[in-house]
Amino acid sequence: MSKAKVRVPLILCISTLFLLGSCTSLIEGLKESSIQRTAPQETQPEKTPSTVVETQAPALKSELAAAEQEILRLVNQQRDEHNLPRLYLSTELSQVARDHSTDMAKRNFYSHIDPQGTTPHQRITRKMGDRYYLEGTAENIAYSERSDGFSSLSQQQIGRDFMHGWMNSPGHRANILREGMTHIGIGLHQQGNRIYATQKFIGYIARLTGTADKTTLSLEQPVIQLALNSHRMTKDKLTVMVGLPDKNAKWPTPDGSYYRGLGYVKPLWTKEHEFTIELPVATYGKGTYTIQLGAQGNRSVGQKQFTFYVN
């Protein structure tokens, strides 16, 4: 009988802080597999139909697509059992995951951080662009090795084996069952007798949709285009805060008081889940503006900023 060996480290990223898991390696017997895992580091914290695929530019076809689909099915089965919203498969995020699995295989390393020091969060922003107002991310990786090159296993069984290992590791299980995540990317790559697997999870409020995601806007058209993540929140909960070029400038409020250096604007809804924000350049002029978003229906917003320069 062929022996399978699965190794599984963990990185956990929450809110706007991205921290590497570290330290303790534990070895636990699991049927015919052994699992190596690392304890996650916690940070302070700052639901939908069956298998759903977001409409995006198509990713490259995976040779292990059936195994990836089985992992997705099992992830959402687990979330169903724990009364959590299902995760939506992002083809764009899946390509980021698949690229990392391929990179680990081809350059013979096994880590959340590649040899150039690129972190999981940087992989997202570099390959998907800094277009998402992220609230949190997480990543699980693993590899499995068999002397028969997996010839005796179906792709569905390969997917089940990876999920079995992840669900029996507390930190990875926590990522799979984490609240606040809405999208998942899954990517596998086989090289010889080894298969690398990467899961990437994100939760976000909205994403920029403007052509080329311009960060420089004209004084004549200082409009920002975004799409709401309707799997995360509803329109009425969206908060938009604008940071002004002059941090001492006064932004008046209806009750006669004012904010200094910032203010709140209402989004203009152009489609069901798409909206625009017009920067108040007629009042405050040229310069660097920032946008921060919130999902609580009050004045609280996240730490992340989208920055735009109006000239």
C-alpha atoms as a PDB file:
ATOM      1  CA  MET A   1       0.000   0.000   0.000  1.00  0.00           C
ATOM      2  CA  SER A   2       1.297   3.436  -0.916  1.00  0.00           C
ATOM      3  CA  LYS A   3       2.005   5.756   1.945  1.00  0.00           C
ATOM      4  CA  ALA A   4       0.782   9.320   1.747  1.00  0.00           C
ATOM      5  CA  LYS A   5       2.419  12.162   3.611  1.00  0.00           C
ATOM      6  CA  VAL A   6       0.648  15.474   3.974  1.00  0.00           C
ATOM      7  CA  ARG A   7       2.265  18.521   5.509  1.00  0.00           C
ATOM      8  CA  VAL A   8       0.227  21.507   6.449  1.00  0.00           C
ATOM      9  CA  PRO A   9       1.489  24.870   7.815  1.00  0.00           C
ATOM     10  CA  LEU A  10      -0.739  27.878   8.360  1.00  0.00           C
ATOM     11  CA  ILE A  11      -0.925  31.623   7.979  1.00  0.00           C
ATOM     12  CA  LEU A  12      -3.851  33.593   9.418  1.00  0.00           C
ATOM     13  CA  CYS A  13      -4.613  37.251   8.459  1.00  0.00           C
ATOM     14  CA  ILE A  14      -7.494  39.224   9.994  1.00  0.00           C
ATOM     15  CA  SER A  15      -8.797  42.778   9.472  1.00  0.00           C
ATOM     16  CA  THR A  16      -6.043  45.072   8.222  1.00  0.00           C
ATOM     17  CA  LEU A  17      -3.209  43.214  10.084  1.00  0.00           C
ATOM     18  CA  PHE A  18      -1.424  40.415   8.284  1.00  0.00           C
ATOM     19  CA  LEU A  19       0.538  38.167  10.705  1.00  0.00           C
ATOM     20  CA  LEU A  20       2.463  35.006   9.978  1.00  0.00           C
ATOM     21  CA  GLY A  21       1.711  31.908  11.973  1.00  0.00           C
ATOM     22  CA  SER A  22       4.788  30.537  13.668  1.00  0.00           C
ATOM     23  CA  CYS A  23       6.476  28.199  15.934  1.00  0.00           C
ATOM     24  CA  THR A  24       5.288  24.930  17.262  1.00  0.00           C
ATOM     25  CA  SER A  25       5.332  21.908  14.992  1.00  0.00           C
ATOM     26  CA  LEU A  26       3.025  19.066  15.989  1.00  0.00           C
ATOM     27  CA  ILE A  27       3.018  15.594  14.519  1.00  0.00           C
ATOM     28  CA  GLU A  28      -0.185  13.593  14.653  1.00  0.00           C
ATOM     29  CA  GLY A  29      -0.950  10.201  13.155  1.00  0.00           C
ATOM     30  CA  LEU A  30      -3.955  10.264  10.835  1.00  0.00           C
ATOM     31  CA  LYS A  31      -4.775   6.888   9.277  1.00  0.00           C
ATOM     32  CA  GLU A  32      -1.964   6.417   6.751  1.00  0.00           C
ATOM     33  CA  SER A  33      -0.953  10.090   6.725  1.00  0.00           C
ATOM     34  CA  SER A  34       1.177  12.239   8.972  1.00  0.00           C
ATOM     35  CA  ILE A  35       0.382  15.927   9.382  1.00  0.00           C
ATOM     36  CA  GLN A  36       2.829  18.623  10.335  1.00  0.00           C
ATOM     37  CA  ARG A  37       1.179  21.832  11.447  1.00  0.00           C
ATOM     38  CA  THR A  38       2.058  25.162  12.993  1.00  0.00           C
ATOM     39  CA  ALA A  39       0.054  27.084  15.556  1.00  0.00           C
ATOM     40  CA  PRO A  40      -1.656  30.210  14.180  1.00  0.00           C
ATOM     41  CA  GLN A  41      -1.185  33.633  15.698  1.00  0.00           C
ATOM     42  CA  GLU A  42      -4.381  35.452  16.601  1.00  0.00           C
ATOM     43  CA  THR A  43      -4.992  39.176  16.109  1.00  0.00           C
ATOM     44  CA  GLN A  44      -7.598  41.438  17.641  1.00  0.00           C
ATOM     45  CA  PRO A  45     -10.705  41.579  15.470  1.00  0.00           C
ATOM     46  CA  GLU A  46     -10.818  44.937  14.049  1.00  0.00           C
ATOM     47  CA  LYS A  47     -24.468  33.264   4.519  1.00  0.00           C
ATOM     48  CA  THR A  48     -25.987  31.807   0.425  1.00  0.00           C
ATOM     49  CA  PRO A  49     -26.693  29.056  -2.246  1.00  0.00           C
ATOM     50  CA  SER A  50     -24.810  25.926  -3.353  1.00  0.00           C
ATOM     51  CA  THR A  51     -21.541  26.027  -5.280  1.00  0.00           C
ATOM     52  CA  VAL A  52     -21.483  29.509  -6.764  1.00  0.00           C
ATOM     53  CA  VAL A  53     -18.785  30.811  -9.068  1.00  0.00           C
ATOM     54  CA  GLU A  54     -18.271  34.553  -9.363  1.00  0.00           C
ATOM     55  CA  THR A  55     -18.444  35.975 -12.889  1.00  0.00           C
ATOM     56  CA  GLN A  56     -14.876  37.020 -13.668  1.00  0.00           C
ATOM     57  CA  ALA A  57     -12.236  36.661 -16.322  1.00  0.00           C
ATOM     58  CA  PRO A  58     -11.598  32.929 -16.741  1.00  0.00           C
ATOM     59  CA  ALA A  59      -8.613  31.442 -14.953  1.00  0.00           C
ATOM     60  CA  LEU A  60      -6.243  29.023 -16.624  1.00  0.00           C
ATOM     61  CA  LYS A  61      -7.614  25.480 -16.692  1.00  0.00           C
ATOM     62  CA  SER A  62      -6.273  23.331 -13.900  1.00  0.00           C
ATOM     63  CA  GLU A  63      -5.256  19.722 -14.522  1.00  0.00           C
ATOM     64  CA  LEU A  64      -6.614  18.989 -11.047  1.00  0.00           C
ATOM     65  CA  ALA A  65      -9.891  20.872 -11.490  1.00  0.00           C
ATOM     66  CA  ALA A  66     -12.005  17.989 -10.176  1.00  0.00           C
ATOM     67  CA  ALA A  67      -9.952  17.820  -6.968  1.00  0.00           C
ATOM     68  CA  GLU A  68     -10.306  21.585  -6.530  1.00  0.00           C
ATOM     69  CA  GLN A  69     -14.074  21.322  -7.016  1.00  0.00           C
ATOM     70  CA  GLU A  70     -14.249  18.552  -4.422  1.00  0.00           C
ATOM     71  CA  ILE A  71     -12.386  20.735  -1.931  1.00  0.00           C
ATOM     72  CA  LEU A  72     -14.859  23.562  -2.603  1.00  0.00           C
ATOM     73  CA  ARG A  73     -17.799  21.200  -2.117  1.00  0.00           C
ATOM     74  CA  LEU A  74     -16.414  19.929   1.177  1.00  0.00           C
ATOM     75  CA  VAL A  75     -15.570  23.433   2.441  1.00  0.00           C
ATOM     76  CA  ASN A  76     -19.171  24.520   1.937  1.00  0.00           C
ATOM     77  CA  GLN A  77     -20.483  21.254   3.352  1.00  0.00           C
ATOM     78  CA  GLN A  78     -18.546  21.986   6.522  1.00  0.00           C
ATOM     79  CA  ARG A  79     -19.818  25.548   6.631  1.00  0.00           C
ATOM     80  CA  ASP A  80     -23.393  24.301   6.134  1.00  0.00           C
ATOM     81  CA  GLU A  81     -22.991  21.985   9.111  1.00  0.00           C
ATOM     82  CA  HIS A  82     -21.841  24.914  11.262  1.00  0.00           C
ATOM     83  CA  ASN A  83     -24.605  27.281  10.057  1.00  0.00           C
ATOM     84  CA  LEU A  84     -22.131  29.557   8.276  1.00  0.00           C
ATOM     85  CA  PRO A  85     -22.643  31.271   4.905  1.00  0.00           C
ATOM     86  CA  ARG A  86     -21.197  29.418   1.961  1.00  0.00           C
ATOM     87  CA  LEU A  87     -18.054  30.731   0.304  1.00  0.00           C
ATOM     88  CA  TYR A  88     -18.143  31.881  -3.298  1.00  0.00           C
ATOM     89  CA  LEU A  89     -15.444  30.560  -5.600  1.00  0.00           C
ATOM     90  CA  SER A  90     -13.376  33.360  -7.110  1.00  0.00           C
ATOM     91  CA  THR A  91     -11.630  32.311 -10.317  1.00  0.00           C
ATOM     92  CA  GLU A  92      -9.268  35.262  -9.920  1.00  0.00           C
ATOM     93  CA  LEU A  93      -8.338  34.268  -6.358  1.00  0.00           C
ATOM     94  CA  SER A  94      -8.062  30.614  -7.457  1.00  0.00           C
ATOM     95  CA  GLN A  95      -5.419  31.613  -9.975  1.00  0.00           C
ATOM     96  CA  VAL A  96      -3.450  33.323  -7.189  1.00  0.00           C
ATOM     97  CA  ALA A  97      -3.701  30.103  -5.154  1.00  0.00           C
ATOM     98  CA  ARG A  98      -2.745  27.906  -8.121  1.00  0.00           C
ATOM     99  CA  ASP A  99       0.223  30.110  -8.950  1.00  0.00           C
ATOM    100  CA  HIS A 100       1.536  29.721  -5.399  1.00  0.00           C
ATOM    101  CA  SER A 101       1.162  25.928  -5.502  1.00  0.00           C
ATOM    102  CA  THR A 102       2.973  25.886  -8.851  1.00  0.00           C
ATOM    103  CA  ASP A 103       5.713  28.196  -7.582  1.00  0.00           C
ATOM    104  CA  MET A 104       6.351  25.994  -4.528  1.00  0.00           C
ATOM    105  CA  ALA A 105       6.629  22.938  -6.773  1.00  0.00           C
ATOM    106  CA  LYS A 106       8.888  24.465  -9.398  1.00  0.00           C
ATOM    107  CA  ARG A 107      11.229  26.272  -6.988  1.00  0.00           C
ATOM    108  CA  ASN A 108      11.192  23.483  -4.411  1.00  0.00           C
ATOM    109  CA  PHE A 109      10.163  25.452  -1.320  1.00  0.00           C
ATOM    110  CA  TYR A 110       7.273  24.977   1.096  1.00  0.00           C
ATOM    111  CA  SER A 111       6.178  28.134   2.826  1.00  0.00           C
ATOM    112  CA  HIS A 112       3.601  30.896   2.890  1.00  0.00           C
ATOM    113  CA  ILE A 113       6.455  33.307   2.055  1.00  0.00           C
ATOM    114  CA  ASP A 114       8.313  32.766  -1.194  1.00  0.00           C
ATOM    115  CA  PRO A 115      12.124  33.022  -1.533  1.00  0.00           C
ATOM    116  CA  GLN A 116      11.832  36.717  -2.478  1.00  0.00           C
ATOM    117  CA  GLY A 117       9.879  37.440   0.707  1.00  0.00           C
ATOM    118  CA  THR A 118       6.463  37.857  -0.935  1.00  0.00           C
ATOM    119  CA  THR A 119       3.709  37.377   1.651  1.00  0.00           C
ATOM    120  CA  PRO A 120       0.213  35.925   1.087  1.00  0.00           C
ATOM    121  CA  HIS A 121      -1.310  39.413   1.234  1.00  0.00           C
ATOM    122  CA  GLN A 122       1.206  40.753  -1.286  1.00  0.00           C
ATOM    123  CA  ARG A 123       0.389  37.898  -3.660  1.00  0.00           C
ATOM    124  CA  ILE A 124      -3.228  39.055  -3.674  1.00  0.00           C
ATOM    125  CA  THR A 125      -2.498  42.747  -4.219  1.00  0.00           C
ATOM    126  CA  ARG A 126       0.238  42.152  -6.800  1.00  0.00           C
ATOM    127  CA  LYS A 127      -1.748  39.698  -8.908  1.00  0.00           C
ATOM    128  CA  MET A 128      -5.282  41.008  -8.387  1.00  0.00           C
ATOM    129  CA  GLY A 129      -4.333  44.648  -7.935  1.00  0.00           C
ATOM    130  CA  ASP A 130      -4.986  46.720  -4.855  1.00  0.00           C
ATOM    131  CA  ARG A 131      -8.653  46.932  -5.851  1.00  0.00           C
ATOM    132  CA  TYR A 132     -10.341  45.239  -2.894  1.00  0.00           C
ATOM    133  CA  TYR A 133     -11.293  46.935   0.356  1.00  0.00           C
ATOM    134  CA  LEU A 134     -10.190  43.902   2.321  1.00  0.00           C
ATOM    135  CA  GLU A 135     -11.407  43.191   5.843  1.00  0.00           C
ATOM    136  CA  GLY A 136      -9.494  39.957   6.252  1.00  0.00           C
ATOM    137  CA  THR A 137      -7.585  37.197   4.471  1.00  0.00           C
ATOM    138  CA  ALA A 138      -6.354  33.736   5.358  1.00  0.00           C
ATOM    139  CA  GLU A 139      -4.301  31.055   3.645  1.00  0.00           C
ATOM    140  CA  ASN A 140      -3.930  27.290   4.046  1.00  0.00           C
ATOM    141  CA  ILE A 141      -1.253  25.297   2.231  1.00  0.00           C
ATOM    142  CA  ALA A 142      -0.387  21.606   2.163  1.00  0.00           C
ATOM    143  CA  TYR A 143       1.351  19.018   0.082  1.00  0.00           C
ATOM    144  CA  SER A 144       0.823  15.308  -0.327  1.00  0.00           C
ATOM    145  CA  GLU A 145       3.376  12.804  -1.584  1.00  0.00           C
ATOM    146  CA  ARG A 146       2.780   9.234  -2.791  1.00  0.00           C
ATOM    147  CA  SER A 147       5.155   6.705  -4.251  1.00  0.00           C
ATOM    148  CA  ASP A 148       2.628   5.733  -6.944  1.00  0.00           C
ATOM    149  CA  GLY A 149       2.233   9.303  -8.158  1.00  0.00           C
ATOM    150  CA  PHE A 150      -1.473   9.286  -7.192  1.00  0.00           C
ATOM    151  CA  SER A 151      -2.289   6.914 -10.054  1.00  0.00           C
ATOM    152  CA  SER A 152      -4.477   4.820  -7.737  1.00  0.00           C
ATOM    153  CA  LEU A 153      -6.555   7.757  -6.498  1.00  0.00           C
ATOM    154  CA  SER A 154      -9.383   9.640  -8.140  1.00  0.00           C
ATOM    155  CA  GLN A 155      -9.194  13.422  -8.118  1.00  0.00           C
ATOM    156  CA  GLN A 156     -12.179  13.475  -5.771  1.00  0.00           C
ATOM    157  CA  GLN A 157     -10.250  11.317  -3.307  1.00  0.00           C
ATOM    158  CA  ILE A 158      -7.233  13.609  -3.579  1.00  0.00           C
ATOM    159  CA  GLY A 159      -9.461  16.547  -2.690  1.00  0.00           C
ATOM    160  CA  ARG A 160     -11.003  14.632   0.219  1.00  0.00           C
ATOM    161  CA  ASP A 161      -7.575  13.741   1.582  1.00  0.00           C
ATOM    162  CA  PHE A 162      -6.456  17.381   1.650  1.00  0.00           C
ATOM    163  CA  MET A 163      -9.673  18.464   3.341  1.00  0.00           C
ATOM    164  CA  HIS A 164      -9.385  15.642   5.882  1.00  0.00           C
ATOM    165  CA  GLY A 165      -5.932  16.898   6.853  1.00  0.00           C
ATOM    166  CA  TRP A 166      -6.995  20.545   7.070  1.00  0.00           C
ATOM    167  CA  MET A 167     -10.120  19.801   9.101  1.00  0.00           C
ATOM    168  CA  ASN A 168      -8.057  17.802  11.594  1.00  0.00           C
ATOM    169  CA  SER A 169      -5.708  20.738  12.181  1.00  0.00           C
ATOM    170  CA  PRO A 170      -7.306  23.349  14.499  1.00  0.00           C
ATOM    171  CA  GLY A 171      -5.798  26.416  12.826  1.00  0.00           C
ATOM    172  CA  HIS A 172      -6.662  25.357   9.290  1.00  0.00           C
ATOM    173  CA  ARG A 173     -10.113  24.256  10.389  1.00  0.00           C
ATOM    174  CA  ALA A 174     -10.595  27.723  11.895  1.00  0.00           C
ATOM    175  CA  ASN A 175      -9.766  29.334   8.539  1.00  0.00           C
ATOM    176  CA  ILE A 176     -12.251  27.121   6.705  1.00  0.00           C
ATOM    177  CA  LEU A 177     -14.963  27.952   9.256  1.00  0.00           C
ATOM    178  CA  ARG A 178     -14.062  31.597   9.726  1.00  0.00           C
ATOM    179  CA  GLU A 179     -16.909  34.104   9.822  1.00  0.00           C
ATOM    180  CA  GLY A 180     -16.569  37.236   7.706  1.00  0.00           C
ATOM    181  CA  MET A 181     -14.930  35.463   4.761  1.00  0.00           C
ATOM    182  CA  THR A 182     -17.011  35.496   1.580  1.00  0.00           C
ATOM    183  CA  HIS A 183     -14.750  34.202  -1.205  1.00  0.00           C
ATOM    184  CA  ILE A 184     -12.323  31.343  -1.629  1.00  0.00           C
ATOM    185  CA  GLY A 185      -9.641  30.488  -4.167  1.00  0.00           C
ATOM    186  CA  ILE A 186      -8.345  26.925  -4.521  1.00  0.00           C
ATOM    187  CA  GLY A 187      -5.308  25.885  -6.537  1.00  0.00           C
ATOM    188  CA  LEU A 188      -3.496  22.545  -6.834  1.00  0.00           C
ATOM    189  CA  HIS A 189      -0.392  21.623  -8.789  1.00  0.00           C
ATOM    190  CA  GLN A 190       1.269  18.238  -9.262  1.00  0.00           C
ATOM    191  CA  GLN A 191       4.943  17.720  -9.901  1.00  0.00           C
ATOM    192  CA  GLY A 192       6.117  14.137  -9.935  1.00  0.00           C
ATOM    193  CA  ASN A 193       4.919  12.263  -6.863  1.00  0.00           C
ATOM    194  CA  ARG A 194       3.907  15.390  -4.996  1.00  0.00           C
ATOM    195  CA  ILE A 195       0.808  17.616  -5.136  1.00  0.00           C
ATOM    196  CA  TYR A 196       0.821  21.094  -3.592  1.00  0.00           C
ATOM    197  CA  ALA A 197      -2.471  22.657  -2.512  1.00  0.00           C
ATOM    198  CA  THR A 198      -3.307  26.252  -1.585  1.00  0.00           C
ATOM    199  CA  GLN A 199      -6.548  27.695  -0.227  1.00  0.00           C
ATOM    200  CA  LYS A 200      -6.957  31.469  -0.076  1.00  0.00           C
ATOM    201  CA  PHE A 201      -9.818  33.184   1.744  1.00  0.00           C
ATOM    202  CA  ILE A 202     -10.883  36.828   1.607  1.00  0.00           C
ATOM    203  CA  GLY A 203     -13.606  39.030   3.020  1.00  0.00           C
ATOM    204  CA  TYR A 204     -14.078  42.496   1.556  1.00  0.00           C
ATOM    205  CA  ILE A 205     -16.592  45.354   1.500  1.00  0.00           C
ATOM    206  CA  ALA A 206     -16.218  46.588  -2.083  1.00  0.00           C
ATOM    207  CA  ARG A 207     -13.803  46.631  -4.997  1.00  0.00           C
ATOM    208  CA  LEU A 208     -12.749  49.289  -7.464  1.00  0.00           C
ATOM    209  CA  THR A 209     -14.143  48.753 -10.958  1.00  0.00           C
ATOM    210  CA  GLY A 210     -12.905  51.799 -12.884  1.00  0.00           C
ATOM    211  CA  THR A 211     -10.860  51.217 -16.029  1.00  0.00           C
ATOM    212  CA  ALA A 212      -7.229  50.550 -15.119  1.00  0.00           C
ATOM    213  CA  ASP A 213      -8.109  51.394 -11.495  1.00  0.00           C
ATOM    214  CA  LYS A 214      -6.751  54.923 -11.906  1.00  0.00           C
ATOM    215  CA  THR A 215      -5.450  56.608  -8.795  1.00  0.00           C
ATOM    216  CA  THR A 216      -5.124  60.007 -10.503  1.00  0.00           C
ATOM    217  CA  LEU A 217      -8.388  61.770 -11.281  1.00  0.00           C
ATOM    218  CA  SER A 218      -9.150  64.959 -13.158  1.00  0.00           C
ATOM    219  CA  LEU A 219     -10.640  68.019 -11.539  1.00  0.00           C
ATOM    220  CA  GLU A 220     -13.452  67.837 -14.097  1.00  0.00           C
ATOM    221  CA  GLN A 221     -14.417  64.230 -13.292  1.00  0.00           C
ATOM    222  CA  PRO A 222     -13.339  63.225  -9.770  1.00  0.00           C
ATOM    223  CA  VAL A 223     -15.549  60.112  -9.716  1.00  0.00           C
ATOM    224  CA  ILE A 224     -14.630  56.718  -8.266  1.00  0.00           C
ATOM    225  CA  GLN A 225     -16.433  53.551  -9.417  1.00  0.00           C
ATOM    226  CA  LEU A 226     -16.908  50.585  -7.082  1.00  0.00           C
ATOM    227  CA  ALA A 227     -18.902  47.367  -6.727  1.00  0.00           C
ATOM    228  CA  LEU A 228     -20.361  46.293  -3.388  1.00  0.00           C
ATOM    229  CA  ASN A 229     -19.697  42.777  -2.099  1.00  0.00           C
ATOM    230  CA  SER A 230     -23.366  41.873  -1.693  1.00  0.00           C
ATOM    231  CA  HIS A 231     -22.389  38.571  -0.057  1.00  0.00           C
ATOM    232  CA  ARG A 232     -20.914  40.569   2.812  1.00  0.00           C
ATOM    233  CA  MET A 233     -23.482  43.306   3.407  1.00  0.00           C
ATOM    234  CA  THR A 234     -26.497  45.250   2.146  1.00  0.00           C
ATOM    235  CA  LYS A 235     -26.566  48.741   0.661  1.00  0.00           C
ATOM    236  CA  ASP A 236     -28.052  50.367   3.741  1.00  0.00           C
ATOM    237  CA  LYS A 237     -25.050  49.321   5.872  1.00  0.00           C
ATOM    238  CA  LEU A 238     -22.414  50.941   3.663  1.00  0.00           C
ATOM    239  CA  THR A 239     -20.489  53.880   5.128  1.00  0.00           C
ATOM    240  CA  VAL A 240     -18.173  56.026   2.984  1.00  0.00           C
ATOM    241  CA  MET A 241     -15.693  58.421   4.601  1.00  0.00           C
ATOM    242  CA  VAL A 242     -13.600  60.860   2.567  1.00  0.00           C
ATOM    243  CA  GLY A 243     -10.282  62.188   3.816  1.00  0.00           C
ATOM    244  CA  LEU A 244      -9.463  65.691   2.569  1.00  0.00           C
ATOM    245  CA  PRO A 245      -6.168  67.081   1.209  1.00  0.00           C
ATOM    246  CA  ASP A 246      -6.119  69.705   3.970  1.00  0.00           C
ATOM    247  CA  LYS A 247      -6.349  67.915   7.321  1.00  0.00           C
ATOM    248  CA  ASN A 248      -7.464  71.162   8.974  1.00  0.00           C
ATOM    249  CA  ALA A 249     -10.301  71.843   6.543  1.00  0.00           C
ATOM    250  CA  LYS A 250     -13.776  71.915   8.072  1.00  0.00           C
ATOM    251  CA  TRP A 251     -16.542  69.672   6.714  1.00  0.00           C
ATOM    252  CA  PRO A 252     -19.893  71.004   8.009  1.00  0.00           C
ATOM    253  CA  THR A 253     -22.615  68.686   9.340  1.00  0.00           C
ATOM    254  CA  PRO A 254     -26.408  69.173   9.288  1.00  0.00           C
ATOM    255  CA  ASP A 255     -26.494  69.947  13.028  1.00  0.00           C
ATOM    256  CA  GLY A 256     -24.182  72.955  12.646  1.00  0.00           C
ATOM    257  CA  SER A 257     -20.981  71.312  13.853  1.00  0.00           C
ATOM    258  CA  TYR A 258     -18.192  70.041  11.606  1.00  0.00           C
ATOM    259  CA  TYR A 259     -15.611  67.337  11.007  1.00  0.00           C
ATOM    260  CA  ARG A 260     -12.002  68.390  10.550  1.00  0.00           C
ATOM    261  CA  GLY A 261     -10.075  66.963   7.601  1.00  0.00           C
ATOM    262  CA  LEU A 262     -12.741  64.424   6.693  1.00  0.00           C
ATOM    263  CA  GLY A 263     -16.425  63.891   6.062  1.00  0.00           C
ATOM    264  CA  TYR A 264     -19.045  61.352   5.045  1.00  0.00           C
ATOM    265  CA  VAL A 265     -20.702  61.054   1.628  1.00  0.00           C
ATOM    266  CA  LYS A 266     -23.603  59.036   0.272  1.00  0.00           C
ATOM    267  CA  PRO A 267     -22.829  56.657  -2.592  1.00  0.00           C
ATOM    268  CA  LEU A 268     -24.686  57.115  -5.888  1.00  0.00           C
ATOM    269  CA  TRP A 269     -26.062  53.719  -6.902  1.00  0.00           C
ATOM    270  CA  THR A 270     -25.782  53.183 -10.646  1.00  0.00           C
ATOM    271  CA  LYS A 271     -26.728  49.488 -10.749  1.00  0.00           C
ATOM    272  CA  GLU A 272     -27.957  46.915  -8.259  1.00  0.00           C
ATOM    273  CA  HIS A 273     -24.588  46.529  -6.550  1.00  0.00           C
ATOM    274  CA  GLU A 274     -22.486  49.186  -8.279  1.00  0.00           C
ATOM    275  CA  PHE A 275     -21.987  52.744  -7.080  1.00  0.00           C
ATOM    276  CA  THR A 276     -19.886  55.843  -7.538  1.00  0.00           C
ATOM    277  CA  ILE A 277     -18.339  58.327  -5.137  1.00  0.00           C
ATOM    278  CA  GLU A 278     -17.760  61.897  -6.247  1.00  0.00           C
ATOM    279  CA  LEU A 279     -14.956  63.665  -4.432  1.00  0.00           C
ATOM    280  CA  PRO A 280     -15.846  67.185  -3.183  1.00  0.00           C
ATOM    281  CA  VAL A 281     -13.210  68.978  -5.277  1.00  0.00           C
ATOM    282  CA  ALA A 282     -15.492  71.970  -5.951  1.00  0.00           C
ATOM    283  CA  THR A 283     -15.259  72.784  -2.244  1.00  0.00           C
ATOM    284  CA  TYR A 284     -11.832  71.501  -1.225  1.00  0.00           C
ATOM    285  CA  GLY A 285      -9.819  71.716  -4.455  1.00  0.00           C
ATOM    286  CA  LYS A 286      -6.971  69.643  -5.824  1.00  0.00           C
ATOM    287  CA  GLY A 287      -4.782  67.297  -3.799  1.00  0.00           C
ATOM    288  CA  THR A 288      -4.724  63.850  -2.244  1.00  0.00           C
ATOM    289  CA  TYR A 289      -8.035  62.355  -1.108  1.00  0.00           C
ATOM    290  CA  THR A 290      -8.608  59.065   0.701  1.00  0.00           C
ATOM    291  CA  ILE A 291     -11.629  56.770   0.830  1.00  0.00           C
ATOM    292  CA  GLN A 292     -12.430  54.482   3.763  1.00  0.00           C
ATOM    293  CA  LEU A 293     -15.409  52.126   3.928  1.00  0.00           C
ATOM    294  CA  GLY A 294     -17.490  50.619   6.707  1.00  0.00           C
ATOM    295  CA  ALA A 295     -20.043  47.803   6.831  1.00  0.00           C
ATOM    296  CA  GLN A 296     -21.806  48.457  10.139  1.00  0.00           C
ATOM    297  CA  GLY A 297     -24.323  51.113   9.105  1.00  0.00           C
ATOM    298  CA  ASN A 298     -22.766  53.710  11.431  1.00  0.00           C
ATOM    299  CA  ARG A 299     -19.787  56.063  11.267  1.00  0.00           C
ATOM    300  CA  SER A 300     -17.156  53.381  11.845  1.00  0.00           C
ATOM    301  CA  VAL A 301     -14.860  52.511   8.936  1.00  0.00           C
ATOM    302  CA  GLY A 302     -11.937  50.185   8.316  1.00  0.00           C
ATOM    303  CA  GLN A 303      -8.270  51.103   8.526  1.00  0.00           C
ATOM    304  CA  LYS A 304      -7.551  50.505   4.842  1.00  0.00           C
ATOM    305  CA  GLN A 305      -7.507  53.529   2.558  1.00  0.00           C
ATOM    306  CA  PHE A 306      -7.960  53.944  -1.174  1.00  0.00           C
ATOM    307  CA  THR A 307      -5.876  56.980  -2.169  1.00  0.00           C
ATOM    308  CA  PHE A 308      -6.621  59.264  -5.127  1.00  0.00           C
ATOM    309  CA  TYR A 309      -4.839  62.361  -6.374  1.00  0.00           C
ATOM    310  CA  VAL A 310      -6.903  65.025  -8.115  1.00  0.00           C
ATOM    311  CA  ASN A 311      -4.985  67.402 -10.369  1.00  0.00           C
END
